[in-house]
N, C-alpha and C. Protein backbone atom coordinates (compact mmCIF):
# COMPACT_ATOMS: atom_id res chain seq x y z
N MET A 1 210.82 54.68 -15.84
CA MET A 1 211.59 55.78 -16.40
C MET A 1 212.70 55.23 -17.30
N ARG A 2 212.92 55.94 -18.39
CA ARG A 2 213.94 55.49 -19.34
C ARG A 2 215.22 56.33 -19.17
N TYR A 3 216.33 55.76 -19.69
CA TYR A 3 217.63 56.39 -19.54
C TYR A 3 218.22 56.72 -20.91
N PHE A 4 218.49 58.00 -21.11
CA PHE A 4 219.22 58.45 -22.29
C PHE A 4 220.62 58.87 -21.83
N ILE A 5 221.60 58.70 -22.70
CA ILE A 5 222.96 59.13 -22.41
C ILE A 5 223.21 60.46 -23.11
N ASP A 6 223.68 61.44 -22.36
CA ASP A 6 223.93 62.78 -22.89
C ASP A 6 225.39 62.89 -23.30
N THR A 7 225.67 62.50 -24.52
CA THR A 7 227.06 62.45 -24.97
C THR A 7 227.11 62.29 -26.49
N ALA A 8 228.29 62.54 -27.05
CA ALA A 8 228.55 62.19 -28.44
C ALA A 8 229.69 61.19 -28.53
N ASN A 9 230.09 60.67 -27.37
CA ASN A 9 231.21 59.74 -27.30
C ASN A 9 230.75 58.32 -27.65
N ILE A 10 231.29 57.79 -28.71
CA ILE A 10 230.86 56.48 -29.21
C ILE A 10 231.14 55.37 -28.21
N ASP A 11 232.30 55.40 -27.56
CA ASP A 11 232.65 54.35 -26.60
C ASP A 11 231.67 54.33 -25.43
N GLN A 12 231.28 55.51 -24.94
CA GLN A 12 230.33 55.57 -23.82
C GLN A 12 228.95 55.07 -24.23
N ILE A 13 228.55 55.38 -25.45
CA ILE A 13 227.26 54.91 -25.95
C ILE A 13 227.27 53.39 -26.07
N LYS A 14 228.36 52.83 -26.58
CA LYS A 14 228.47 51.38 -26.68
C LYS A 14 228.47 50.73 -25.29
N GLU A 15 229.14 51.38 -24.34
CA GLU A 15 229.21 50.85 -22.99
C GLU A 15 227.81 50.83 -22.34
N ALA A 16 227.05 51.90 -22.54
CA ALA A 16 225.68 51.95 -22.02
C ALA A 16 224.82 50.88 -22.67
N LYS A 17 225.06 50.64 -23.95
CA LYS A 17 224.33 49.59 -24.67
C LYS A 17 224.63 48.22 -24.05
N GLU A 18 225.90 47.96 -23.74
CA GLU A 18 226.29 46.69 -23.15
C GLU A 18 225.70 46.51 -21.75
N LEU A 19 225.53 47.61 -21.03
CA LEU A 19 224.92 47.55 -19.71
C LEU A 19 223.43 47.19 -19.78
N GLY A 20 222.84 47.44 -20.95
CA GLY A 20 221.42 47.15 -21.12
C GLY A 20 220.51 48.26 -20.64
N ILE A 21 221.07 49.48 -20.47
CA ILE A 21 220.26 50.59 -19.98
C ILE A 21 220.14 51.73 -20.99
N LEU A 22 220.56 51.49 -22.22
CA LEU A 22 220.56 52.56 -23.23
C LEU A 22 219.20 52.62 -23.93
N ASP A 23 218.42 53.64 -23.60
CA ASP A 23 217.12 53.84 -24.26
C ASP A 23 217.18 54.91 -25.34
N GLY A 24 218.24 55.71 -25.34
CA GLY A 24 218.36 56.76 -26.32
C GLY A 24 219.58 57.62 -26.03
N VAL A 25 219.80 58.63 -26.88
CA VAL A 25 220.95 59.52 -26.74
C VAL A 25 220.49 60.96 -27.02
N THR A 26 221.04 61.89 -26.25
CA THR A 26 220.88 63.31 -26.58
C THR A 26 222.26 63.89 -26.85
N THR A 27 222.31 64.78 -27.81
CA THR A 27 223.58 65.42 -28.15
C THR A 27 223.33 66.90 -28.41
N ASN A 28 224.41 67.63 -28.54
CA ASN A 28 224.33 69.04 -28.93
C ASN A 28 225.67 69.45 -29.53
N PRO A 29 225.75 70.64 -30.12
CA PRO A 29 227.01 71.05 -30.76
C PRO A 29 228.20 71.06 -29.81
N THR A 30 227.97 71.39 -28.54
CA THR A 30 229.06 71.41 -27.56
C THR A 30 229.63 70.01 -27.35
N LEU A 31 228.74 69.02 -27.24
CA LEU A 31 229.20 67.64 -27.04
C LEU A 31 229.92 67.12 -28.28
N MET A 32 229.46 67.53 -29.46
CA MET A 32 230.15 67.14 -30.70
C MET A 32 231.57 67.72 -30.72
N ALA A 33 231.68 69.01 -30.39
CA ALA A 33 232.99 69.66 -30.40
C ALA A 33 233.93 69.03 -29.38
N LYS A 34 233.36 68.60 -28.25
CA LYS A 34 234.16 67.95 -27.21
C LYS A 34 234.82 66.68 -27.72
N GLU A 35 234.16 66.00 -28.67
CA GLU A 35 234.71 64.77 -29.26
C GLU A 35 235.55 65.05 -30.50
N GLY A 36 235.74 66.34 -30.81
CA GLY A 36 236.54 66.72 -31.97
C GLY A 36 235.81 66.57 -33.29
N ILE A 37 234.48 66.50 -33.23
CA ILE A 37 233.68 66.34 -34.46
C ILE A 37 233.30 67.73 -34.96
N THR A 38 233.90 68.14 -36.04
CA THR A 38 233.63 69.46 -36.61
C THR A 38 233.33 69.33 -38.10
N GLY A 39 232.66 70.33 -38.63
CA GLY A 39 232.29 70.31 -40.04
C GLY A 39 230.97 69.57 -40.22
N LEU A 40 230.08 70.13 -41.01
CA LEU A 40 228.72 69.59 -41.15
C LEU A 40 228.70 68.14 -41.58
N ASP A 41 229.48 67.79 -42.60
CA ASP A 41 229.45 66.42 -43.09
C ASP A 41 229.89 65.42 -42.02
N ASN A 42 230.93 65.79 -41.27
CA ASN A 42 231.41 64.91 -40.19
C ASN A 42 230.38 64.77 -39.09
N ILE A 43 229.72 65.87 -38.76
CA ILE A 43 228.68 65.85 -37.72
C ILE A 43 227.53 64.95 -38.14
N LEU A 44 227.09 65.07 -39.38
CA LEU A 44 225.99 64.25 -39.86
C LEU A 44 226.36 62.77 -39.87
N ARG A 45 227.60 62.46 -40.29
CA ARG A 45 228.06 61.07 -40.27
C ARG A 45 228.11 60.53 -38.85
N HIS A 46 228.50 61.40 -37.90
CA HIS A 46 228.58 60.98 -36.50
C HIS A 46 227.18 60.69 -35.95
N TYR A 47 226.23 61.53 -36.29
CA TYR A 47 224.84 61.28 -35.88
C TYR A 47 224.36 59.93 -36.40
N LYS A 48 224.67 59.66 -37.64
CA LYS A 48 224.25 58.39 -38.27
C LYS A 48 224.88 57.20 -37.53
N LYS A 49 226.14 57.34 -37.17
CA LYS A 49 226.82 56.27 -36.44
C LYS A 49 226.16 56.03 -35.09
N ILE A 50 225.81 57.11 -34.39
CA ILE A 50 225.13 57.00 -33.10
C ILE A 50 223.79 56.31 -33.27
N CYS A 51 223.04 56.69 -34.28
CA CYS A 51 221.73 56.09 -34.54
C CYS A 51 221.84 54.59 -34.78
N ASP A 52 222.87 54.19 -35.50
CA ASP A 52 223.07 52.76 -35.78
C ASP A 52 223.33 51.98 -34.50
N ILE A 53 224.09 52.57 -33.57
CA ILE A 53 224.39 51.89 -32.30
C ILE A 53 223.15 51.80 -31.43
N VAL A 54 222.41 52.89 -31.34
CA VAL A 54 221.25 52.95 -30.45
C VAL A 54 220.14 52.01 -30.91
N GLY A 55 219.98 51.87 -32.22
CA GLY A 55 218.96 50.96 -32.74
C GLY A 55 217.58 51.59 -32.71
N ASP A 56 216.68 51.04 -31.90
CA ASP A 56 215.30 51.54 -31.87
C ASP A 56 215.14 52.80 -31.03
N GLY A 57 216.10 53.12 -30.18
CA GLY A 57 215.98 54.28 -29.31
C GLY A 57 216.13 55.59 -30.07
N ASP A 58 215.58 56.66 -29.49
CA ASP A 58 215.63 57.96 -30.13
C ASP A 58 216.97 58.66 -29.90
N VAL A 59 217.39 59.42 -30.90
CA VAL A 59 218.63 60.20 -30.83
C VAL A 59 218.29 61.66 -31.13
N SER A 60 218.45 62.52 -30.13
CA SER A 60 218.15 63.94 -30.33
C SER A 60 219.34 64.64 -30.98
N ALA A 61 219.06 65.27 -32.11
CA ALA A 61 220.08 66.00 -32.86
C ALA A 61 219.64 67.46 -32.96
N GLU A 62 220.48 68.36 -32.52
CA GLU A 62 220.07 69.75 -32.32
C GLU A 62 220.30 70.64 -33.53
N VAL A 63 219.31 71.48 -33.83
CA VAL A 63 219.47 72.52 -34.85
C VAL A 63 220.20 73.69 -34.20
N ILE A 64 220.92 74.45 -35.01
CA ILE A 64 221.63 75.61 -34.47
C ILE A 64 221.06 76.92 -35.01
N SER A 65 220.16 76.86 -35.97
CA SER A 65 219.52 78.06 -36.49
C SER A 65 218.51 78.60 -35.50
N THR A 66 218.27 79.90 -35.55
CA THR A 66 217.25 80.52 -34.71
C THR A 66 216.09 81.07 -35.55
N SER A 67 216.19 80.94 -36.86
CA SER A 67 215.09 81.36 -37.73
C SER A 67 214.23 80.15 -38.07
N PHE A 68 212.96 80.41 -38.38
CA PHE A 68 212.05 79.32 -38.72
C PHE A 68 212.56 78.56 -39.94
N ALA A 69 212.93 79.29 -40.99
CA ALA A 69 213.39 78.63 -42.23
C ALA A 69 214.64 77.81 -41.98
N GLY A 70 215.56 78.36 -41.18
CA GLY A 70 216.79 77.64 -40.90
C GLY A 70 216.55 76.37 -40.11
N MET A 71 215.64 76.44 -39.11
CA MET A 71 215.32 75.25 -38.32
C MET A 71 214.67 74.17 -39.18
N ILE A 72 213.79 74.58 -40.06
CA ILE A 72 213.13 73.61 -40.93
C ILE A 72 214.13 72.93 -41.85
N ASN A 73 215.02 73.74 -42.43
CA ASN A 73 216.03 73.20 -43.34
C ASN A 73 216.95 72.22 -42.63
N GLU A 74 217.46 72.62 -41.46
CA GLU A 74 218.35 71.75 -40.70
C GLU A 74 217.61 70.51 -40.19
N GLY A 75 216.40 70.73 -39.68
CA GLY A 75 215.64 69.62 -39.11
C GLY A 75 215.31 68.55 -40.12
N GLN A 76 214.94 68.97 -41.32
CA GLN A 76 214.64 67.99 -42.37
C GLN A 76 215.88 67.18 -42.73
N ARG A 77 217.01 67.87 -42.81
CA ARG A 77 218.26 67.18 -43.14
C ARG A 77 218.63 66.18 -42.06
N LEU A 78 218.42 66.55 -40.80
CA LEU A 78 218.71 65.64 -39.69
C LEU A 78 217.74 64.46 -39.70
N ALA A 79 216.46 64.74 -39.88
CA ALA A 79 215.45 63.68 -39.85
C ALA A 79 215.65 62.67 -40.96
N ASP A 80 216.24 63.09 -42.06
CA ASP A 80 216.48 62.18 -43.18
C ASP A 80 217.62 61.20 -42.91
N LEU A 81 218.41 61.46 -41.85
CA LEU A 81 219.56 60.60 -41.56
C LEU A 81 219.13 59.20 -41.12
N ALA A 82 218.11 59.13 -40.28
CA ALA A 82 217.68 57.85 -39.71
C ALA A 82 216.29 58.00 -39.12
N PRO A 83 215.52 56.92 -39.06
CA PRO A 83 214.15 57.00 -38.54
C PRO A 83 214.07 57.31 -37.05
N ASN A 84 215.18 57.11 -36.31
CA ASN A 84 215.14 57.37 -34.87
C ASN A 84 215.72 58.73 -34.48
N ILE A 85 215.94 59.60 -35.47
CA ILE A 85 216.38 60.96 -35.17
C ILE A 85 215.20 61.77 -34.64
N VAL A 86 215.47 62.53 -33.57
CA VAL A 86 214.51 63.50 -33.02
C VAL A 86 215.15 64.87 -33.18
N VAL A 87 214.43 65.79 -33.80
CA VAL A 87 214.97 67.13 -34.05
C VAL A 87 214.85 67.96 -32.77
N LYS A 88 215.99 68.42 -32.29
CA LYS A 88 216.04 69.17 -31.04
C LYS A 88 215.97 70.67 -31.34
N VAL A 89 214.92 71.32 -30.79
CA VAL A 89 214.59 72.70 -31.14
C VAL A 89 214.51 73.55 -29.87
N PRO A 90 215.07 74.77 -29.87
CA PRO A 90 215.00 75.61 -28.67
C PRO A 90 213.61 76.20 -28.45
N ILE A 91 213.26 76.47 -27.20
CA ILE A 91 211.97 77.03 -26.85
C ILE A 91 212.00 78.56 -27.04
N ILE A 92 211.93 78.95 -28.31
CA ILE A 92 211.78 80.35 -28.68
C ILE A 92 210.58 80.44 -29.63
N ARG A 93 210.18 81.64 -29.96
CA ARG A 93 208.97 81.79 -30.79
C ARG A 93 209.09 81.04 -32.11
N GLU A 94 210.21 81.21 -32.80
CA GLU A 94 210.39 80.51 -34.07
C GLU A 94 210.51 79.01 -33.85
N GLY A 95 211.01 78.62 -32.68
CA GLY A 95 211.12 77.20 -32.36
C GLY A 95 209.75 76.56 -32.21
N ILE A 96 208.80 77.25 -31.58
CA ILE A 96 207.45 76.72 -31.44
C ILE A 96 206.80 76.57 -32.81
N LYS A 97 207.03 77.55 -33.67
CA LYS A 97 206.51 77.44 -35.04
C LYS A 97 207.09 76.21 -35.74
N ALA A 98 208.39 76.01 -35.55
CA ALA A 98 209.05 74.87 -36.19
C ALA A 98 208.53 73.54 -35.64
N ILE A 99 208.32 73.48 -34.32
CA ILE A 99 207.79 72.26 -33.72
C ILE A 99 206.42 71.93 -34.30
N SER A 100 205.57 72.94 -34.44
CA SER A 100 204.25 72.74 -35.03
C SER A 100 204.38 72.21 -36.47
N TRP A 101 205.32 72.77 -37.20
CA TRP A 101 205.53 72.36 -38.60
C TRP A 101 206.01 70.90 -38.66
N PHE A 102 206.96 70.55 -37.80
CA PHE A 102 207.46 69.18 -37.78
C PHE A 102 206.36 68.21 -37.32
N THR A 103 205.57 68.62 -36.34
CA THR A 103 204.50 67.75 -35.83
C THR A 103 203.50 67.41 -36.93
N GLU A 104 203.15 68.41 -37.72
CA GLU A 104 202.20 68.18 -38.83
C GLU A 104 202.74 67.16 -39.82
N ARG A 105 204.06 67.05 -39.89
CA ARG A 105 204.69 66.13 -40.85
C ARG A 105 205.22 64.87 -40.16
N GLU A 106 204.80 64.65 -38.94
CA GLU A 106 205.14 63.46 -38.15
C GLU A 106 206.64 63.28 -37.96
N ILE A 107 207.33 64.41 -37.79
CA ILE A 107 208.76 64.40 -37.45
C ILE A 107 208.86 64.67 -35.95
N LYS A 108 209.50 63.77 -35.20
CA LYS A 108 209.58 63.91 -33.76
C LYS A 108 210.51 65.06 -33.36
N THR A 109 210.14 65.72 -32.25
CA THR A 109 210.92 66.86 -31.79
C THR A 109 211.19 66.78 -30.29
N ASN A 110 212.28 67.41 -29.90
CA ASN A 110 212.64 67.57 -28.49
C ASN A 110 212.82 69.06 -28.26
N CYS A 111 211.92 69.66 -27.49
CA CYS A 111 212.00 71.09 -27.20
C CYS A 111 212.96 71.29 -26.04
N THR A 112 214.06 71.97 -26.30
CA THR A 112 215.14 72.08 -25.33
C THR A 112 215.22 73.48 -24.72
N LEU A 113 216.05 73.61 -23.68
CA LEU A 113 216.24 74.86 -22.94
C LEU A 113 214.95 75.31 -22.27
N VAL A 114 214.21 74.35 -21.71
CA VAL A 114 212.97 74.65 -21.00
C VAL A 114 213.30 74.95 -19.53
N PHE A 115 212.81 76.10 -19.06
CA PHE A 115 213.09 76.51 -17.68
C PHE A 115 211.84 76.95 -16.92
N SER A 116 210.66 76.80 -17.52
CA SER A 116 209.44 77.19 -16.82
C SER A 116 208.28 76.31 -17.25
N PRO A 117 207.25 76.17 -16.41
CA PRO A 117 206.06 75.40 -16.79
C PRO A 117 205.36 75.99 -18.01
N GLY A 118 205.34 77.32 -18.13
CA GLY A 118 204.71 77.95 -19.28
C GLY A 118 205.35 77.55 -20.59
N GLN A 119 206.68 77.52 -20.60
CA GLN A 119 207.39 77.08 -21.79
C GLN A 119 207.03 75.64 -22.13
N ALA A 120 206.98 74.80 -21.10
CA ALA A 120 206.65 73.38 -21.30
C ALA A 120 205.25 73.23 -21.88
N MET A 121 204.30 74.02 -21.40
CA MET A 121 202.92 73.95 -21.88
C MET A 121 202.82 74.34 -23.35
N LEU A 122 203.53 75.38 -23.74
CA LEU A 122 203.50 75.81 -25.15
C LEU A 122 204.10 74.74 -26.05
N ALA A 123 205.21 74.15 -25.61
CA ALA A 123 205.86 73.10 -26.41
C ALA A 123 204.94 71.90 -26.56
N ALA A 124 204.26 71.53 -25.48
CA ALA A 124 203.34 70.39 -25.54
C ALA A 124 202.18 70.69 -26.48
N ARG A 125 201.66 71.90 -26.43
CA ARG A 125 200.55 72.28 -27.31
C ARG A 125 200.96 72.24 -28.78
N ALA A 126 202.22 72.58 -29.04
CA ALA A 126 202.71 72.56 -30.42
C ALA A 126 202.98 71.14 -30.91
N GLY A 127 202.97 70.16 -29.97
CA GLY A 127 203.12 68.77 -30.35
C GLY A 127 204.50 68.19 -30.16
N ALA A 128 205.32 68.83 -29.34
CA ALA A 128 206.67 68.30 -29.10
C ALA A 128 206.60 66.87 -28.57
N SER A 129 207.45 66.02 -29.06
CA SER A 129 207.52 64.64 -28.56
C SER A 129 208.09 64.62 -27.15
N TYR A 130 209.10 65.46 -26.92
CA TYR A 130 209.75 65.59 -25.62
C TYR A 130 209.93 67.06 -25.28
N ILE A 131 209.97 67.36 -23.99
CA ILE A 131 210.47 68.65 -23.54
C ILE A 131 211.61 68.37 -22.59
N SER A 132 212.64 69.24 -22.65
CA SER A 132 213.85 69.03 -21.84
C SER A 132 214.04 70.16 -20.83
N PRO A 133 213.49 70.00 -19.62
CA PRO A 133 213.79 70.96 -18.55
C PRO A 133 215.21 70.73 -18.03
N PHE A 134 215.95 71.80 -17.81
CA PHE A 134 217.35 71.70 -17.42
C PHE A 134 217.48 71.80 -15.90
N VAL A 135 217.49 70.66 -15.24
CA VAL A 135 217.48 70.61 -13.78
C VAL A 135 218.69 71.32 -13.17
N GLY A 136 219.88 70.94 -13.59
CA GLY A 136 221.09 71.50 -13.00
C GLY A 136 221.23 72.99 -13.21
N ARG A 137 220.85 73.46 -14.37
CA ARG A 137 220.98 74.90 -14.65
C ARG A 137 219.98 75.72 -13.85
N VAL A 138 218.80 75.15 -13.58
CA VAL A 138 217.85 75.83 -12.70
C VAL A 138 218.43 75.91 -11.29
N ASP A 139 219.03 74.81 -10.83
CA ASP A 139 219.68 74.82 -9.51
C ASP A 139 220.77 75.88 -9.44
N ASP A 140 221.47 76.10 -10.56
CA ASP A 140 222.57 77.06 -10.58
C ASP A 140 222.13 78.48 -10.26
N ILE A 141 220.88 78.80 -10.54
CA ILE A 141 220.40 80.16 -10.25
C ILE A 141 219.62 80.18 -8.93
N THR A 142 219.96 79.22 -8.05
CA THR A 142 219.39 79.09 -6.70
C THR A 142 217.89 78.87 -6.72
N TRP A 143 217.39 78.21 -7.76
CA TRP A 143 216.00 77.78 -7.80
C TRP A 143 216.01 76.27 -7.66
N ASP A 144 214.89 75.60 -7.90
CA ASP A 144 214.78 74.17 -7.64
C ASP A 144 214.41 73.44 -8.93
N GLY A 145 215.42 72.79 -9.55
CA GLY A 145 215.18 72.10 -10.81
C GLY A 145 214.24 70.92 -10.69
N ILE A 146 214.32 70.19 -9.61
CA ILE A 146 213.44 69.04 -9.41
C ILE A 146 212.00 69.49 -9.19
N ALA A 147 211.82 70.62 -8.48
CA ALA A 147 210.46 71.17 -8.30
C ALA A 147 209.86 71.53 -9.65
N LEU A 148 210.69 72.00 -10.58
CA LEU A 148 210.21 72.32 -11.93
C LEU A 148 209.69 71.06 -12.63
N ILE A 149 210.43 69.96 -12.51
CA ILE A 149 209.99 68.69 -13.09
C ILE A 149 208.63 68.29 -12.52
N LYS A 150 208.51 68.38 -11.21
CA LYS A 150 207.26 67.99 -10.54
C LYS A 150 206.09 68.84 -11.00
N GLU A 151 206.31 70.14 -11.12
CA GLU A 151 205.24 71.06 -11.52
C GLU A 151 204.78 70.77 -12.95
N ILE A 152 205.75 70.55 -13.84
CA ILE A 152 205.41 70.23 -15.23
C ILE A 152 204.66 68.91 -15.30
N SER A 153 205.11 67.92 -14.52
CA SER A 153 204.45 66.61 -14.51
C SER A 153 202.99 66.74 -14.06
N GLU A 154 202.75 67.52 -13.02
CA GLU A 154 201.38 67.72 -12.54
C GLU A 154 200.51 68.39 -13.60
N ILE A 155 201.05 69.39 -14.26
CA ILE A 155 200.31 70.10 -15.31
C ILE A 155 200.01 69.16 -16.47
N PHE A 156 201.01 68.42 -16.91
CA PHE A 156 200.81 67.51 -18.04
C PHE A 156 199.76 66.45 -17.72
N ASN A 157 199.75 65.98 -16.49
CA ASN A 157 198.72 65.01 -16.10
C ASN A 157 197.33 65.64 -16.13
N ASN A 158 197.24 66.91 -15.72
CA ASN A 158 195.95 67.60 -15.70
C ASN A 158 195.41 67.88 -17.11
N ILE A 159 196.31 68.18 -18.03
CA ILE A 159 195.87 68.54 -19.39
C ILE A 159 195.99 67.36 -20.37
N PHE A 160 196.36 66.20 -19.84
CA PHE A 160 196.49 64.98 -20.65
C PHE A 160 197.48 65.16 -21.81
N ALA A 161 198.59 65.82 -21.52
CA ALA A 161 199.61 66.04 -22.54
C ALA A 161 200.31 64.73 -22.89
N GLU A 162 200.55 64.53 -24.16
CA GLU A 162 201.26 63.33 -24.61
C GLU A 162 202.76 63.54 -24.65
N THR A 163 203.20 64.78 -24.55
CA THR A 163 204.62 65.11 -24.55
C THR A 163 205.31 64.50 -23.33
N GLU A 164 206.47 63.89 -23.55
CA GLU A 164 207.20 63.26 -22.45
C GLU A 164 208.21 64.23 -21.85
N ILE A 165 208.39 64.12 -20.54
CA ILE A 165 209.32 64.97 -19.81
C ILE A 165 210.69 64.30 -19.78
N LEU A 166 211.65 64.94 -20.41
CA LEU A 166 213.01 64.41 -20.50
C LEU A 166 213.90 65.29 -19.62
N ALA A 167 214.14 64.87 -18.40
CA ALA A 167 214.92 65.67 -17.46
C ALA A 167 216.38 65.75 -17.93
N ALA A 168 216.84 66.97 -18.16
CA ALA A 168 218.20 67.18 -18.69
C ALA A 168 219.04 67.94 -17.67
N SER A 169 220.30 68.16 -18.02
CA SER A 169 221.25 68.81 -17.10
C SER A 169 221.27 68.07 -15.77
N ILE A 170 221.31 66.75 -15.86
CA ILE A 170 221.38 65.88 -14.68
C ILE A 170 222.85 65.72 -14.29
N ARG A 171 223.16 66.01 -13.04
CA ARG A 171 224.57 66.07 -12.64
C ARG A 171 224.98 65.05 -11.58
N SER A 172 224.02 64.28 -11.08
CA SER A 172 224.38 63.35 -10.00
C SER A 172 223.38 62.21 -9.94
N PRO A 173 223.76 61.11 -9.27
CA PRO A 173 222.79 60.03 -9.06
C PRO A 173 221.55 60.49 -8.30
N LEU A 174 221.73 61.43 -7.36
CA LEU A 174 220.58 61.95 -6.61
C LEU A 174 219.59 62.64 -7.53
N HIS A 175 220.09 63.40 -8.49
CA HIS A 175 219.22 64.05 -9.47
C HIS A 175 218.36 63.00 -10.20
N ILE A 176 218.97 61.87 -10.55
CA ILE A 176 218.24 60.82 -11.28
C ILE A 176 217.09 60.29 -10.45
N VAL A 177 217.37 59.97 -9.19
CA VAL A 177 216.34 59.44 -8.30
C VAL A 177 215.24 60.47 -8.07
N GLN A 178 215.64 61.71 -7.83
CA GLN A 178 214.66 62.77 -7.58
C GLN A 178 213.80 63.05 -8.81
N ALA A 179 214.40 62.99 -9.99
CA ALA A 179 213.64 63.22 -11.21
C ALA A 179 212.59 62.14 -11.41
N ALA A 180 212.95 60.90 -11.08
CA ALA A 180 212.01 59.79 -11.18
C ALA A 180 210.83 60.00 -10.23
N LYS A 181 211.13 60.42 -9.00
CA LYS A 181 210.07 60.67 -8.01
C LYS A 181 209.18 61.84 -8.43
N ALA A 182 209.77 62.82 -9.12
CA ALA A 182 209.03 64.02 -9.51
C ALA A 182 208.15 63.81 -10.74
N GLY A 183 208.33 62.67 -11.43
CA GLY A 183 207.46 62.38 -12.57
C GLY A 183 208.10 62.46 -13.94
N ALA A 184 209.43 62.52 -14.00
CA ALA A 184 210.10 62.54 -15.30
C ALA A 184 209.89 61.20 -16.01
N ASP A 185 209.65 61.25 -17.31
CA ASP A 185 209.52 60.03 -18.10
C ASP A 185 210.89 59.46 -18.46
N ILE A 186 211.86 60.37 -18.60
CA ILE A 186 213.20 60.02 -19.06
C ILE A 186 214.19 60.92 -18.35
N VAL A 187 215.38 60.42 -18.09
CA VAL A 187 216.50 61.29 -17.71
C VAL A 187 217.58 61.14 -18.77
N THR A 188 218.24 62.24 -19.07
CA THR A 188 219.41 62.16 -19.93
C THR A 188 220.59 62.71 -19.15
N CYS A 189 221.67 61.94 -19.11
CA CYS A 189 222.77 62.30 -18.22
C CYS A 189 224.06 61.65 -18.70
N PRO A 190 225.18 62.10 -18.15
CA PRO A 190 226.44 61.43 -18.46
C PRO A 190 226.41 60.00 -17.92
N LEU A 191 227.17 59.14 -18.53
CA LEU A 191 227.25 57.75 -18.07
C LEU A 191 227.78 57.68 -16.63
N SER A 192 228.62 58.64 -16.26
CA SER A 192 229.19 58.65 -14.91
C SER A 192 228.10 58.78 -13.84
N ALA A 193 227.05 59.53 -14.13
CA ALA A 193 225.96 59.69 -13.15
C ALA A 193 225.21 58.38 -12.95
N ILE A 194 225.06 57.61 -14.03
CA ILE A 194 224.40 56.31 -13.92
C ILE A 194 225.29 55.33 -13.15
N TYR A 195 226.58 55.34 -13.44
CA TYR A 195 227.50 54.48 -12.69
C TYR A 195 227.48 54.84 -11.21
N GLY A 196 227.30 56.12 -10.91
CA GLY A 196 227.26 56.56 -9.52
C GLY A 196 226.13 55.92 -8.74
N MET A 197 225.06 55.51 -9.44
CA MET A 197 223.94 54.86 -8.76
C MET A 197 224.32 53.48 -8.22
N LEU A 198 225.40 52.91 -8.74
CA LEU A 198 225.86 51.61 -8.27
C LEU A 198 226.58 51.68 -6.93
N ASN A 199 227.05 52.86 -6.59
CA ASN A 199 227.95 53.00 -5.45
C ASN A 199 227.20 53.10 -4.13
N HIS A 200 227.63 52.30 -3.17
CA HIS A 200 227.14 52.41 -1.80
C HIS A 200 228.17 51.73 -0.89
N PRO A 201 228.54 52.38 0.21
CA PRO A 201 229.57 51.79 1.08
C PRO A 201 229.17 50.44 1.66
N LEU A 202 227.88 50.24 1.91
CA LEU A 202 227.43 48.96 2.46
C LEU A 202 227.53 47.84 1.42
N THR A 203 227.35 48.20 0.14
CA THR A 203 227.55 47.21 -0.92
C THR A 203 229.02 46.78 -0.95
N ASP A 204 229.91 47.77 -0.87
CA ASP A 204 231.35 47.48 -0.90
C ASP A 204 231.77 46.62 0.30
N SER A 205 231.31 47.00 1.50
CA SER A 205 231.71 46.25 2.70
C SER A 205 231.06 44.86 2.72
N GLY A 206 229.82 44.78 2.23
CA GLY A 206 229.15 43.48 2.19
C GLY A 206 229.83 42.52 1.23
N LEU A 207 230.21 43.02 0.05
CA LEU A 207 230.89 42.17 -0.92
C LEU A 207 232.25 41.72 -0.39
N LYS A 208 232.96 42.64 0.28
CA LYS A 208 234.26 42.32 0.86
C LYS A 208 234.11 41.20 1.89
N LYS A 209 233.07 41.29 2.72
CA LYS A 209 232.83 40.28 3.75
C LYS A 209 232.49 38.93 3.14
N PHE A 210 231.65 38.92 2.10
CA PHE A 210 231.29 37.67 1.42
C PHE A 210 232.54 36.97 0.88
N ILE A 211 233.42 37.77 0.24
CA ILE A 211 234.64 37.19 -0.35
C ILE A 211 235.56 36.65 0.74
N GLU A 212 235.71 37.42 1.83
CA GLU A 212 236.56 36.96 2.94
C GLU A 212 236.03 35.67 3.55
N ASP A 213 234.71 35.59 3.75
CA ASP A 213 234.12 34.38 4.34
C ASP A 213 234.27 33.18 3.40
N PHE A 214 234.11 33.43 2.11
CA PHE A 214 234.28 32.34 1.15
C PHE A 214 235.71 31.82 1.17
N GLU A 215 236.69 32.73 1.23
CA GLU A 215 238.09 32.31 1.26
C GLU A 215 238.42 31.54 2.53
N LYS A 216 237.82 31.97 3.64
CA LYS A 216 238.04 31.23 4.90
C LYS A 216 237.45 29.84 4.81
N ALA A 217 236.24 29.74 4.28
CA ALA A 217 235.58 28.43 4.14
C ALA A 217 236.37 27.52 3.22
N SER A 218 236.91 28.07 2.14
CA SER A 218 237.68 27.28 1.19
C SER A 218 238.97 26.78 1.82
N ALA A 219 239.60 27.64 2.62
CA ALA A 219 240.86 27.24 3.29
C ALA A 219 240.60 26.14 4.31
N SER A 220 239.46 26.23 5.03
CA SER A 220 239.13 25.20 6.02
C SER A 220 238.86 23.85 5.37
N ALA A 221 238.22 23.90 4.23
CA ALA A 221 237.89 22.65 3.52
C ALA A 221 239.14 21.93 3.04
N LYS A 222 240.18 22.71 2.72
CA LYS A 222 241.41 22.11 2.21
C LYS A 222 242.28 21.51 3.32
N SER A 223 242.12 22.05 4.54
CA SER A 223 242.98 21.61 5.66
C SER A 223 242.50 20.31 6.27
């Protein structure tokens, strides 16, 4: 399973790169606004900067239009920024049309706001490179986001879909582990969720004991 960082924060992207776990980045207008990136030209420059840092990994850049023509216009402009841009399109009727159009022209797409297996199947048929089921948001309505990942994975295996499952709205280290078990190809999450995977009380106590024993041994050798 690969790891994408869900952010527009340059420092966090660089930090993930240094960790050696950065396979890609997903962004959206909300994340851009959170970093104070406003205005089309600034947003496009920021996407380009992210692409340069990520290198070979994919960077999902979201369209905000809901019309077919608007999605095509925005998507082409985004795709022209860098070869690793993936056009992020919502799972609506015009979005499926746009995904089909981009697929015919070999422009990669990420179908976002997926909440059902049926939506995932339509996106895959249209040729989406990725589909993004929102695990945390499904949980929010007292349903099971991880079960959704598993169901989509089973269907995709049955129909030999080439579309990859990009588990989104990941909110905890447990979500990451569960998504991997359920068949997700990729998770996209905040860097904090990945750091959370490092934490375990037995690791902390074990390291503390190793250091204490080393200090005792060193003191004995000196005496």
